[in-house]
Amino acid sequence: DQVWQAGVILLPVQSVGVMGDERTYERAVALRAVTSTDAMTADWAH
């Protein structure tokens, strides 16, 4: 209830990571959360 709108963005990139003893090449996501009154302007939620 402290956030106006939130969601996850699936990015069109893949990056190298580590899972266990293996390297991975999988997707990155971005978290998005903003505060606003009417969506005409918005600030990122701290």
All heavy atoms as atom14 arrays in JSON, in Angstrom:
{
  "sequence": "DQVWQAGVILLPVQSVGVMGDERTYERAVALRAVTSTDAMTADWAH",
  "atom14_mask": [
    [1, 1, 1, 1, 1, 1, 1, 1, 0, 0, 0, 0, 0, 0],
    [1, 1, 1, 1, 1, 1, 1, 1, 1, 0, 0, 0, 0, 0],
    [1, 1, 1, 1, 1, 1, 1, 0, 0, 0, 0, 0, 0, 0],
    [1, 1, 1, 1, 1, 1, 1, 1, 1, 1, 1, 1, 1, 1],
    [1, 1, 1, 1, 1, 1, 1, 1, 1, 0, 0, 0, 0, 0],
    [1, 1, 1, 1, 1, 0, 0, 0, 0, 0, 0, 0, 0, 0],
    [1, 1, 1, 1, 0, 0, 0, 0, 0, 0, 0, 0, 0, 0],
    [1, 1, 1, 1, 1, 1, 1, 0, 0, 0, 0, 0, 0, 0],
    [1, 1, 1, 1, 1, 1, 1, 1, 0, 0, 0, 0, 0, 0],
    [1, 1, 1, 1, 1, 1, 1, 1, 0, 0, 0, 0, 0, 0],
    [1, 1, 1, 1, 1, 1, 1, 1, 0, 0, 0, 0, 0, 0],
    [1, 1, 1, 1, 1, 1, 1, 0, 0, 0, 0, 0, 0, 0],
    [1, 1, 1, 1, 1, 1, 1, 0, 0, 0, 0, 0, 0, 0],
    [1, 1, 1, 1, 1, 1, 1, 1, 1, 0, 0, 0, 0, 0],
    [1, 1, 1, 1, 1, 1, 0, 0, 0, 0, 0, 0, 0, 0],
    [1, 1, 1, 1, 1, 1, 1, 0, 0, 0, 0, 0, 0, 0],
    [1, 1, 1, 1, 0, 0, 0, 0, 0, 0, 0, 0, 0, 0],
    [1, 1, 1, 1, 1, 1, 1, 0, 0, 0, 0, 0, 0, 0],
    [1, 1, 1, 1, 1, 1, 1, 1, 0, 0, 0, 0, 0, 0],
    [1, 1, 1, 1, 0, 0, 0, 0, 0, 0, 0, 0, 0, 0],
    [1, 1, 1, 1, 1, 1, 1, 1, 0, 0, 0, 0, 0, 0],
    [1, 1, 1, 1, 1, 1, 1, 1, 1, 0, 0, 0, 0, 0],
    [1, 1, 1, 1, 1, 1, 1, 1, 1, 1, 1, 0, 0, 0],
    [1, 1, 1, 1, 1, 1, 1, 0, 0, 0, 0, 0, 0, 0],
    [1, 1, 1, 1, 1, 1, 1, 1, 1, 1, 1, 1, 0, 0],
    [1, 1, 1, 1, 1, 1, 1, 1, 1, 0, 0, 0, 0, 0],
    [1, 1, 1, 1, 1, 1, 1, 1, 1, 1, 1, 0, 0, 0],
    [1, 1, 1, 1, 1, 0, 0, 0, 0, 0, 0, 0, 0, 0],
    [1, 1, 1, 1, 1, 1, 1, 0, 0, 0, 0, 0, 0, 0],
    [1, 1, 1, 1, 1, 0, 0, 0, 0, 0, 0, 0, 0, 0],
    [1, 1, 1, 1, 1, 1, 1, 1, 0, 0, 0, 0, 0, 0],
    [1, 1, 1, 1, 1, 1, 1, 1, 1, 1, 1, 0, 0, 0],
    [1, 1, 1, 1, 1, 0, 0, 0, 0, 0, 0, 0, 0, 0],
    [1, 1, 1, 1, 1, 1, 1, 0, 0, 0, 0, 0, 0, 0],
    [1, 1, 1, 1, 1, 1, 1, 0, 0, 0, 0, 0, 0, 0],
    [1, 1, 1, 1, 1, 1, 0, 0, 0, 0, 0, 0, 0, 0],
    [1, 1, 1, 1, 1, 1, 1, 0, 0, 0, 0, 0, 0, 0],
    [1, 1, 1, 1, 1, 1, 1, 1, 0, 0, 0, 0, 0, 0],
    [1, 1, 1, 1, 1, 0, 0, 0, 0, 0, 0, 0, 0, 0],
    [1, 1, 1, 1, 1, 1, 1, 1, 0, 0, 0, 0, 0, 0],
    [1, 1, 1, 1, 1, 1, 1, 0, 0, 0, 0, 0, 0, 0],
    [1, 1, 1, 1, 1, 0, 0, 0, 0, 0, 0, 0, 0, 0],
    [1, 1, 1, 1, 1, 1, 1, 1, 0, 0, 0, 0, 0, 0],
    [1, 1, 1, 1, 1, 1, 1, 1, 1, 1, 1, 1, 1, 1],
    [1, 1, 1, 1, 1, 0, 0, 0, 0, 0, 0, 0, 0, 0],
    [1, 1, 1, 1, 1, 1, 1, 1, 1, 1, 0, 0, 0, 0]
  ],
  "atom14_positions": [
    [[0.81, -1.22, 0.0], [0.0, 0.0, 0.0], [0.84, 1.27, 0.0], [0.3, 2.37, -0.14], [-0.95, 0.0, 1.2], [-2.03, -1.05, 1.09], [-2.34, -1.49, -0.04], [-2.58, -1.48, 2.14], [0.0, 0.0, 0.0], [0.0, 0.0, 0.0], [0.0, 0.0, 0.0], [0.0, 0.0, 0.0], [0.0, 0.0, 0.0], [0.0, 0.0, 0.0]],
    [[2.15, 1.13, 0.15], [3.04, 2.3, 0.09], [3.5, 2.59, -1.34], [4.17, 3.59, -1.59], [4.26, 2.08, 0.98], [3.93, 1.87, 2.47], [5.17, 1.62, 3.3], [6.27, 2.05, 2.97], [5.0, 0.87, 4.39], [0.0, 0.0, 0.0], [0.0, 0.0, 0.0], [0.0, 0.0, 0.0], [0.0, 0.0, 0.0], [0.0, 0.0, 0.0]],
    [[3.14, 1.69, -2.25], [3.59, 1.77, -3.63], [2.4, 1.99, -4.54], [1.33, 1.39, -4.36], [4.33, 0.46, -4.03], [4.65, 0.44, -5.51], [5.61, 0.31, -3.22], [0.0, 0.0, 0.0], [0.0, 0.0, 0.0], [0.0, 0.0, 0.0], [0.0, 0.0, 0.0], [0.0, 0.0, 0.0], [0.0, 0.0, 0.0], [0.0, 0.0, 0.0]],
    [[2.54, 2.9, -5.51], [1.48, 3.16, -6.48], [1.34, 2.0, -7.47], [0.25, 1.53, -7.75], [1.77, 4.46, -7.23], [0.95, 4.67, -8.47], [1.29, 4.3, -9.75], [-0.33, 5.29, -8.56], [0.3, 4.67, -10.63], [-0.7, 5.28, -9.93], [-1.19, 5.89, -7.64], [-1.9, 5.83, -10.38], [-2.38, 6.42, -8.1], [-2.72, 6.39, -9.44]],
    [[2.46, 1.55, -8.0], [2.45, 0.5, -9.01], [3.76, -0.25, -8.97], [4.82, 0.34, -8.74], [2.24, 1.11, -10.4], [2.05, 0.1, -11.53], [1.63, 0.78, -12.83], [1.14, 1.89, -12.82], [1.83, 0.11, -13.95], [0.0, 0.0, 0.0], [0.0, 0.0, 0.0], [0.0, 0.0, 0.0], [0.0, 0.0, 0.0], [0.0, 0.0, 0.0]],
    [[3.7, -1.55, -9.15], [4.9, -2.37, -9.11], [4.76, -3.53, -10.09], [3.65, -3.97, -10.4], [5.16, -2.9, -7.7], [0.0, 0.0, 0.0], [0.0, 0.0, 0.0], [0.0, 0.0, 0.0], [0.0, 0.0, 0.0], [0.0, 0.0, 0.0], [0.0, 0.0, 0.0], [0.0, 0.0, 0.0], [0.0, 0.0, 0.0], [0.0, 0.0, 0.0]],
    [[5.88, -4.01, -10.55], [5.88, -5.14, -11.45], [7.3, -5.51, -11.83], [8.27, -4.85, -11.44], [0.0, 0.0, 0.0], [0.0, 0.0, 0.0], [0.0, 0.0, 0.0], [0.0, 0.0, 0.0], [0.0, 0.0, 0.0], [0.0, 0.0, 0.0], [0.0, 0.0, 0.0], [0.0, 0.0, 0.0], [0.0, 0.0, 0.0], [0.0, 0.0, 0.0]],
    [[7.42, -6.55, -12.6], [8.72, -7.05, -13.05], [8.79, -6.91, -14.56], [7.8, -7.13, -15.26], [8.93, -8.51, -12.62], [10.29, -9.02, -13.12], [8.85, -8.64, -11.1], [0.0, 0.0, 0.0], [0.0, 0.0, 0.0], [0.0, 0.0, 0.0], [0.0, 0.0, 0.0], [0.0, 0.0, 0.0], [0.0, 0.0, 0.0], [0.0, 0.0, 0.0]],
    [[9.95, -6.53, -15.05], [10.2, -6.39, -16.49], [11.16, -7.48, -16.93], [12.21, -7.67, -16.31], [10.81, -5.01, -16.82], [10.08, -3.88, -16.1], [10.83, -4.81, -18.33], [8.63, -3.73, -16.44], [0.0, 0.0, 0.0], [0.0, 0.0, 0.0], [0.0, 0.0, 0.0], [0.0, 0.0, 0.0], [0.0, 0.0, 0.0], [0.0, 0.0, 0.0]],
    [[10.8, -8.21, -17.98], [11.69, -9.22, -18.53], [12.53, -8.58, -19.62], [12.01, -8.11, -20.63], [10.9, -10.4, -19.09], [11.73, -11.57, -19.64], [12.56, -12.21, -18.53], [10.82, -12.62, -20.28], [0.0, 0.0, 0.0], [0.0, 0.0, 0.0], [0.0, 0.0, 0.0], [0.0, 0.0, 0.0], [0.0, 0.0, 0.0], [0.0, 0.0, 0.0]],
    [[13.84, -8.53, -19.39], [14.74, -7.83, -20.3], [15.16, -8.71, -21.47], [15.26, -9.94, -21.32], [15.96, -7.34, -19.53], [15.68, -6.47, -18.3], [16.98, -6.02, -17.64], [14.84, -5.27, -18.67], [0.0, 0.0, 0.0], [0.0, 0.0, 0.0], [0.0, 0.0, 0.0], [0.0, 0.0, 0.0], [0.0, 0.0, 0.0], [0.0, 0.0, 0.0]],
    [[15.45, -8.12, -22.6], [15.83, -8.89, -23.8], [17.33, -9.21, -23.83], [17.97, -9.13, -24.87], [15.45, -7.96, -24.94], [15.67, -6.6, -24.38], [15.32, -6.68, -22.9], [0.0, 0.0, 0.0], [0.0, 0.0, 0.0], [0.0, 0.0, 0.0], [0.0, 0.0, 0.0], [0.0, 0.0, 0.0], [0.0, 0.0, 0.0], [0.0, 0.0, 0.0]],
    [[17.89, -9.52, -22.68], [19.31, -9.84, -22.59], [19.49, -11.08, -21.73], [18.64, -11.43, -20.92], [20.11, -8.67, -21.96], [20.05, -7.44, -22.84], [19.62, -8.35, -20.55], [0.0, 0.0, 0.0], [0.0, 0.0, 0.0], [0.0, 0.0, 0.0], [0.0, 0.0, 0.0], [0.0, 0.0, 0.0], [0.0, 0.0, 0.0], [0.0, 0.0, 0.0]],
    [[20.57, -11.73, -21.94], [20.98, -12.84, -21.1], [22.36, -12.53, -20.54], [23.15, -11.8, -21.13], [20.99, -14.14, -21.9], [19.6, -14.64, -22.29], [19.65, -15.91, -23.09], [19.85, -15.88, -24.3], [19.45, -17.03, -22.42], [0.0, 0.0, 0.0], [0.0, 0.0, 0.0], [0.0, 0.0, 0.0], [0.0, 0.0, 0.0], [0.0, 0.0, 0.0]],
    [[22.63, -13.08, -19.38], [23.9, -12.81, -18.74], [24.46, -14.09, -18.14], [23.75, -15.06, -17.88], [23.74, -11.74, -17.65], [22.94, -12.21, -16.58], [0.0, 0.0, 0.0], [0.0, 0.0, 0.0], [0.0, 0.0, 0.0], [0.0, 0.0, 0.0], [0.0, 0.0, 0.0], [0.0, 0.0, 0.0], [0.0, 0.0, 0.0], [0.0, 0.0, 0.0]],
    [[25.77, -14.08, -17.9], [26.45, -15.23, -17.3], [26.23, -15.23, -15.8], [26.29, -14.19, -15.14], [27.96, -15.19, -17.61], [28.69, -16.31, -16.88], [28.19, -15.31, -19.12], [0.0, 0.0, 0.0], [0.0, 0.0, 0.0], [0.0, 0.0, 0.0], [0.0, 0.0, 0.0], [0.0, 0.0, 0.0], [0.0, 0.0, 0.0], [0.0, 0.0, 0.0]],
    [[25.94, -16.39, -15.26], [25.77, -16.56, -13.82], [26.37, -17.88, -13.37], [26.93, -18.64, -14.18], [0.0, 0.0, 0.0], [0.0, 0.0, 0.0], [0.0, 0.0, 0.0], [0.0, 0.0, 0.0], [0.0, 0.0, 0.0], [0.0, 0.0, 0.0], [0.0, 0.0, 0.0], [0.0, 0.0, 0.0], [0.0, 0.0, 0.0], [0.0, 0.0, 0.0]],
    [[26.23, -18.15, -12.08], [26.74, -19.39, -11.5], [25.62, -20.05, -10.72], [24.97, -19.43, -9.88], [27.95, -19.13, -10.59], [28.42, -20.45, -9.96], [29.09, -18.48, -11.35], [0.0, 0.0, 0.0], [0.0, 0.0, 0.0], [0.0, 0.0, 0.0], [0.0, 0.0, 0.0], [0.0, 0.0, 0.0], [0.0, 0.0, 0.0], [0.0, 0.0, 0.0]],
    [[25.39, -21.31, -10.98], [24.42, -22.09, -10.24], [25.09, -23.4, -9.85], [25.36, -24.25, -10.71], [23.16, -22.35, -11.07], [22.04, -23.04, -10.3], [21.35, -22.03, -8.97], [20.54, -20.72, -9.9], [0.0, 0.0, 0.0], [0.0, 0.0, 0.0], [0.0, 0.0, 0.0], [0.0, 0.0, 0.0], [0.0, 0.0, 0.0], [0.0, 0.0, 0.0]],
    [[25.38, -23.55, -8.54], [26.13, -24.71, -8.1], [27.56, -24.65, -8.62], [28.26, -23.67, -8.44], [0.0, 0.0, 0.0], [0.0, 0.0, 0.0], [0.0, 0.0, 0.0], [0.0, 0.0, 0.0], [0.0, 0.0, 0.0], [0.0, 0.0, 0.0], [0.0, 0.0, 0.0], [0.0, 0.0, 0.0], [0.0, 0.0, 0.0], [0.0, 0.0, 0.0]],
    [[27.97, -25.69, -9.31], [29.31, -25.73, -9.89], [29.31, -25.38, -11.37], [30.33, -25.53, -12.05], [29.92, -27.13, -9.7], [30.14, -27.48, -8.23], [30.42, -26.54, -7.45], [30.02, -28.67, -7.88], [0.0, 0.0, 0.0], [0.0, 0.0, 0.0], [0.0, 0.0, 0.0], [0.0, 0.0, 0.0], [0.0, 0.0, 0.0], [0.0, 0.0, 0.0]],
    [[28.17, -24.93, -11.87], [28.07, -24.68, -13.3], [27.79, -23.22, -13.61], [27.17, -22.5, -12.84], [26.94, -25.54, -13.91], [27.17, -27.04, -13.79], [26.06, -27.84, -14.44], [25.1, -27.2, -14.93], [26.16, -29.08, -14.45], [0.0, 0.0, 0.0], [0.0, 0.0, 0.0], [0.0, 0.0, 0.0], [0.0, 0.0, 0.0], [0.0, 0.0, 0.0]],
    [[28.32, -22.78, -14.74], [28.0, -21.46, -15.25], [26.65, -21.51, -15.98], [26.32, -22.51, -16.62], [29.1, -20.97, -16.2], [30.38, -20.61, -15.48], [31.54, -20.46, -16.46], [31.37, -19.37, -17.4], [31.73, -18.11, -17.18], [32.27, -17.77, -16.01], [31.55, -17.17, -18.1], [0.0, 0.0, 0.0], [0.0, 0.0, 0.0], [0.0, 0.0, 0.0]],
    [[25.89, -20.44, -15.86], [24.6, -20.36, -16.52], [24.59, -19.17, -17.48], [25.39, -18.24, -17.35], [23.45, -20.18, -15.51], [23.64, -18.95, -14.78], [23.42, -21.35, -14.53], [0.0, 0.0, 0.0], [0.0, 0.0, 0.0], [0.0, 0.0, 0.0], [0.0, 0.0, 0.0], [0.0, 0.0, 0.0], [0.0, 0.0, 0.0], [0.0, 0.0, 0.0]],
    [[23.72, -19.22, -18.41], [23.53, -18.12, -19.35], [22.03, -17.93, -19.49], [21.39, -18.53, -20.36], [24.2, -18.43, -20.69], [24.26, -17.24, -21.63], [24.98, -16.1, -21.29], [23.6, -17.26, -22.85], [25.05, -15.01, -22.15], [23.68, -16.18, -23.73], [24.4, -15.06, -23.35], [24.47, -13.97, -24.21], [0.0, 0.0, 0.0], [0.0, 0.0, 0.0]],
    [[21.47, -17.09, -18.59], [20.02, -16.98, -18.49], [19.6, -15.51, -18.47], [20.41, -14.61, -18.62], [19.53, -17.73, -17.25], [19.79, -19.24, -17.34], [19.31, -19.99, -16.12], [19.39, -19.43, -15.01], [18.86, -21.14, -16.26], [0.0, 0.0, 0.0], [0.0, 0.0, 0.0], [0.0, 0.0, 0.0], [0.0, 0.0, 0.0], [0.0, 0.0, 0.0]],
    [[18.32, -15.28, -18.23], [17.73, -13.97, -18.41], [17.88, -13.07, -17.18], [18.02, -13.53, -16.05], [16.25, -14.1, -18.76], [16.06, -14.85, -20.08], [14.66, -14.74, -20.61], [14.56, -15.34, -21.92], [14.89, -14.74, -23.05], [15.3, -13.48, -23.03], [14.78, -15.35, -24.21], [0.0, 0.0, 0.0], [0.0, 0.0, 0.0], [0.0, 0.0, 0.0]],
    [[17.82, -11.79, -17.47], [17.81, -10.77, -16.42], [16.42, -10.15, -16.35], [15.74, -9.99, -17.36], [18.85, -9.69, -16.71], [0.0, 0.0, 0.0], [0.0, 0.0, 0.0], [0.0, 0.0, 0.0], [0.0, 0.0, 0.0], [0.0, 0.0, 0.0], [0.0, 0.0, 0.0], [0.0, 0.0, 0.0], [0.0, 0.0, 0.0], [0.0, 0.0, 0.0]],
    [[16.0, -9.81, -15.13], [14.73, -9.1, -14.93], [15.0, -7.83, -14.15], [16.0, -7.71, -13.43], [13.69, -9.97, -14.19], [13.35, -11.22, -14.98], [14.15, -10.31, -12.79], [0.0, 0.0, 0.0], [0.0, 0.0, 0.0], [0.0, 0.0, 0.0], [0.0, 0.0, 0.0], [0.0, 0.0, 0.0], [0.0, 0.0, 0.0], [0.0, 0.0, 0.0]],
    [[14.11, -6.86, -14.31], [14.19, -5.61, -13.56], [12.94, -5.47, -12.7], [11.81, -5.66, -13.19], [14.32, -4.42, -14.51], [0.0, 0.0, 0.0], [0.0, 0.0, 0.0], [0.0, 0.0, 0.0], [0.0, 0.0, 0.0], [0.0, 0.0, 0.0], [0.0, 0.0, 0.0], [0.0, 0.0, 0.0], [0.0, 0.0, 0.0], [0.0, 0.0, 0.0]],
    [[13.12, -5.15, -11.44], [12.0, -4.83, -10.56], [11.67, -3.35, -10.72], [12.55, -2.5, -10.78], [12.34, -5.13, -9.1], [12.9, -6.51, -8.77], [13.14, -6.63, -7.27], [11.98, -7.61, -9.26], [0.0, 0.0, 0.0], [0.0, 0.0, 0.0], [0.0, 0.0, 0.0], [0.0, 0.0, 0.0], [0.0, 0.0, 0.0], [0.0, 0.0, 0.0]],
    [[10.38, -3.03, -10.81], [9.94, -1.65, -10.95], [8.86, -1.36, -9.92], [7.86, -2.06, -9.84], [9.38, -1.42, -12.36], [8.89, 0.0, -12.66], [10.01, 0.99, -12.68], [9.67, 2.2, -13.46], [10.14, 3.4, -13.16], [10.96, 3.55, -12.12], [9.82, 4.45, -13.92], [0.0, 0.0, 0.0], [0.0, 0.0, 0.0], [0.0, 0.0, 0.0]],
    [[9.08, -0.34, -9.08], [8.09, 0.09, -8.11], [8.16, 1.61, -8.02], [9.24, 2.18, -7.88], [8.34, -0.54, -6.74], [0.0, 0.0, 0.0], [0.0, 0.0, 0.0], [0.0, 0.0, 0.0], [0.0, 0.0, 0.0], [0.0, 0.0, 0.0], [0.0, 0.0, 0.0], [0.0, 0.0, 0.0], [0.0, 0.0, 0.0], [0.0, 0.0, 0.0]],
    [[6.99, 2.28, -8.11], [6.96, 3.73, -8.1], [5.91, 4.24, -7.13], [4.94, 3.56, -6.8], [6.67, 4.31, -9.51], [7.75, 3.89, -10.5], [5.29, 3.89, -10.0], [0.0, 0.0, 0.0], [0.0, 0.0, 0.0], [0.0, 0.0, 0.0], [0.0, 0.0, 0.0], [0.0, 0.0, 0.0], [0.0, 0.0, 0.0], [0.0, 0.0, 0.0]],
    [[6.12, 5.47, -6.69], [5.11, 6.21, -5.94], [4.56, 7.3, -6.85], [5.27, 7.88, -7.65], [5.71, 6.83, -4.67], [6.81, 7.69, -5.02], [6.22, 5.73, -3.74], [0.0, 0.0, 0.0], [0.0, 0.0, 0.0], [0.0, 0.0, 0.0], [0.0, 0.0, 0.0], [0.0, 0.0, 0.0], [0.0, 0.0, 0.0], [0.0, 0.0, 0.0]],
    [[3.26, 7.56, -6.73], [2.61, 8.54, -7.59], [1.24, 8.89, -7.04], [0.73, 8.22, -6.13], [2.49, 8.0, -9.02], [1.9, 8.96, -9.89], [0.0, 0.0, 0.0], [0.0, 0.0, 0.0], [0.0, 0.0, 0.0], [0.0, 0.0, 0.0], [0.0, 0.0, 0.0], [0.0, 0.0, 0.0], [0.0, 0.0, 0.0], [0.0, 0.0, 0.0]],
    [[0.63, 9.92, -7.61], [-0.74, 10.28, -7.29], [-1.69, 9.9, -8.41], [-2.77, 9.36, -8.18], [-0.87, 11.79, -7.03], [-0.02, 12.16, -5.94], [-2.31, 12.18, -6.69], [0.0, 0.0, 0.0], [0.0, 0.0, 0.0], [0.0, 0.0, 0.0], [0.0, 0.0, 0.0], [0.0, 0.0, 0.0], [0.0, 0.0, 0.0], [0.0, 0.0, 0.0]],
    [[-1.28, 10.16, -9.66], [-2.17, 9.9, -10.78], [-1.45, 9.34, -12.0], [-2.01, 9.28, -13.09], [-2.91, 11.18, -11.18], [-1.95, 12.33, -11.47], [-0.78, 12.09, -11.79], [-2.38, 13.49, -11.37], [0.0, 0.0, 0.0], [0.0, 0.0, 0.0], [0.0, 0.0, 0.0], [0.0, 0.0, 0.0], [0.0, 0.0, 0.0], [0.0, 0.0, 0.0]],
    [[-0.19, 8.93, -11.84], [0.62, 8.33, -12.9], [1.1, 9.33, -13.93], [1.83, 8.96, -14.85], [-0.1, 7.18, -13.6], [0.0, 0.0, 0.0], [0.0, 0.0, 0.0], [0.0, 0.0, 0.0], [0.0, 0.0, 0.0], [0.0, 0.0, 0.0], [0.0, 0.0, 0.0], [0.0, 0.0, 0.0], [0.0, 0.0, 0.0], [0.0, 0.0, 0.0]],
    [[0.72, 10.6, -13.81], [1.23, 11.59, -14.74], [2.7, 11.87, -14.46], [3.48, 12.15, -15.37], [0.41, 12.88, -14.64], [-1.08, 12.69, -14.92], [-1.43, 11.96, -16.53], [-0.91, 13.28, -17.61], [0.0, 0.0, 0.0], [0.0, 0.0, 0.0], [0.0, 0.0, 0.0], [0.0, 0.0, 0.0], [0.0, 0.0, 0.0], [0.0, 0.0, 0.0]],
    [[3.07, 11.82, -13.18], [4.46, 11.85, -12.74], [4.64, 10.74, -11.72], [3.67, 10.3, -11.09], [4.85, 13.2, -12.12], [4.03, 13.44, -10.95], [4.65, 14.34, -13.12], [0.0, 0.0, 0.0], [0.0, 0.0, 0.0], [0.0, 0.0, 0.0], [0.0, 0.0, 0.0], [0.0, 0.0, 0.0], [0.0, 0.0, 0.0], [0.0, 0.0, 0.0]],
    [[5.86, 10.29, -11.54], [6.12, 9.21, -10.59], [7.57, 9.24, -10.15], [8.45, 9.65, -10.91], [5.78, 7.85, -11.2], [0.0, 0.0, 0.0], [0.0, 0.0, 0.0], [0.0, 0.0, 0.0], [0.0, 0.0, 0.0], [0.0, 0.0, 0.0], [0.0, 0.0, 0.0], [0.0, 0.0, 0.0], [0.0, 0.0, 0.0], [0.0, 0.0, 0.0]],
    [[7.82, 8.79, -8.92], [9.17, 8.65, -8.4], [9.41, 7.19, -8.05], [8.47, 6.47, -7.69], [9.36, 9.52, -7.16], [10.83, 9.65, -6.77], [11.71, 9.34, -7.61], [11.11, 10.05, -5.62], [0.0, 0.0, 0.0], [0.0, 0.0, 0.0], [0.0, 0.0, 0.0], [0.0, 0.0, 0.0], [0.0, 0.0, 0.0], [0.0, 0.0, 0.0]],
    [[10.63, 6.73, -8.17], [10.92, 5.35, -7.82], [10.77, 5.14, -6.32], [11.11, 6.0, -5.51], [12.3, 4.93, -8.3], [13.46, 5.68, -7.72], [13.95, 6.89, -8.12], [14.31, 5.25, -6.64], [15.03, 7.25, -7.36], [15.29, 6.26, -6.44], [14.35, 4.12, -5.82], [16.27, 6.17, -5.47], [15.33, 4.02, -4.84], [16.27, 5.04, -4.67]],
    [[10.2, 4.02, -5.95], [9.94, 3.71, -4.54], [11.22, 3.3, -3.83], [11.95, 2.43, -4.3], [8.9, 2.6, -4.43], [0.0, 0.0, 0.0], [0.0, 0.0, 0.0], [0.0, 0.0, 0.0], [0.0, 0.0, 0.0], [0.0, 0.0, 0.0], [0.0, 0.0, 0.0], [0.0, 0.0, 0.0], [0.0, 0.0, 0.0], [0.0, 0.0, 0.0]],
    [[11.5, 3.91, -2.69], [12.71, 3.63, -1.93], [12.47, 2.43, -1.02], [12.32, 2.55, 0.19], [13.13, 4.87, -1.14], [13.54, 6.02, -2.0], [14.67, 6.78, -1.8], [12.98, 6.56, -3.12], [14.77, 7.72, -2.73], [13.74, 7.61, -3.53], [0.0, 0.0, 0.0], [0.0, 0.0, 0.0], [0.0, 0.0, 0.0], [0.0, 0.0, 0.0]]
  ]
}
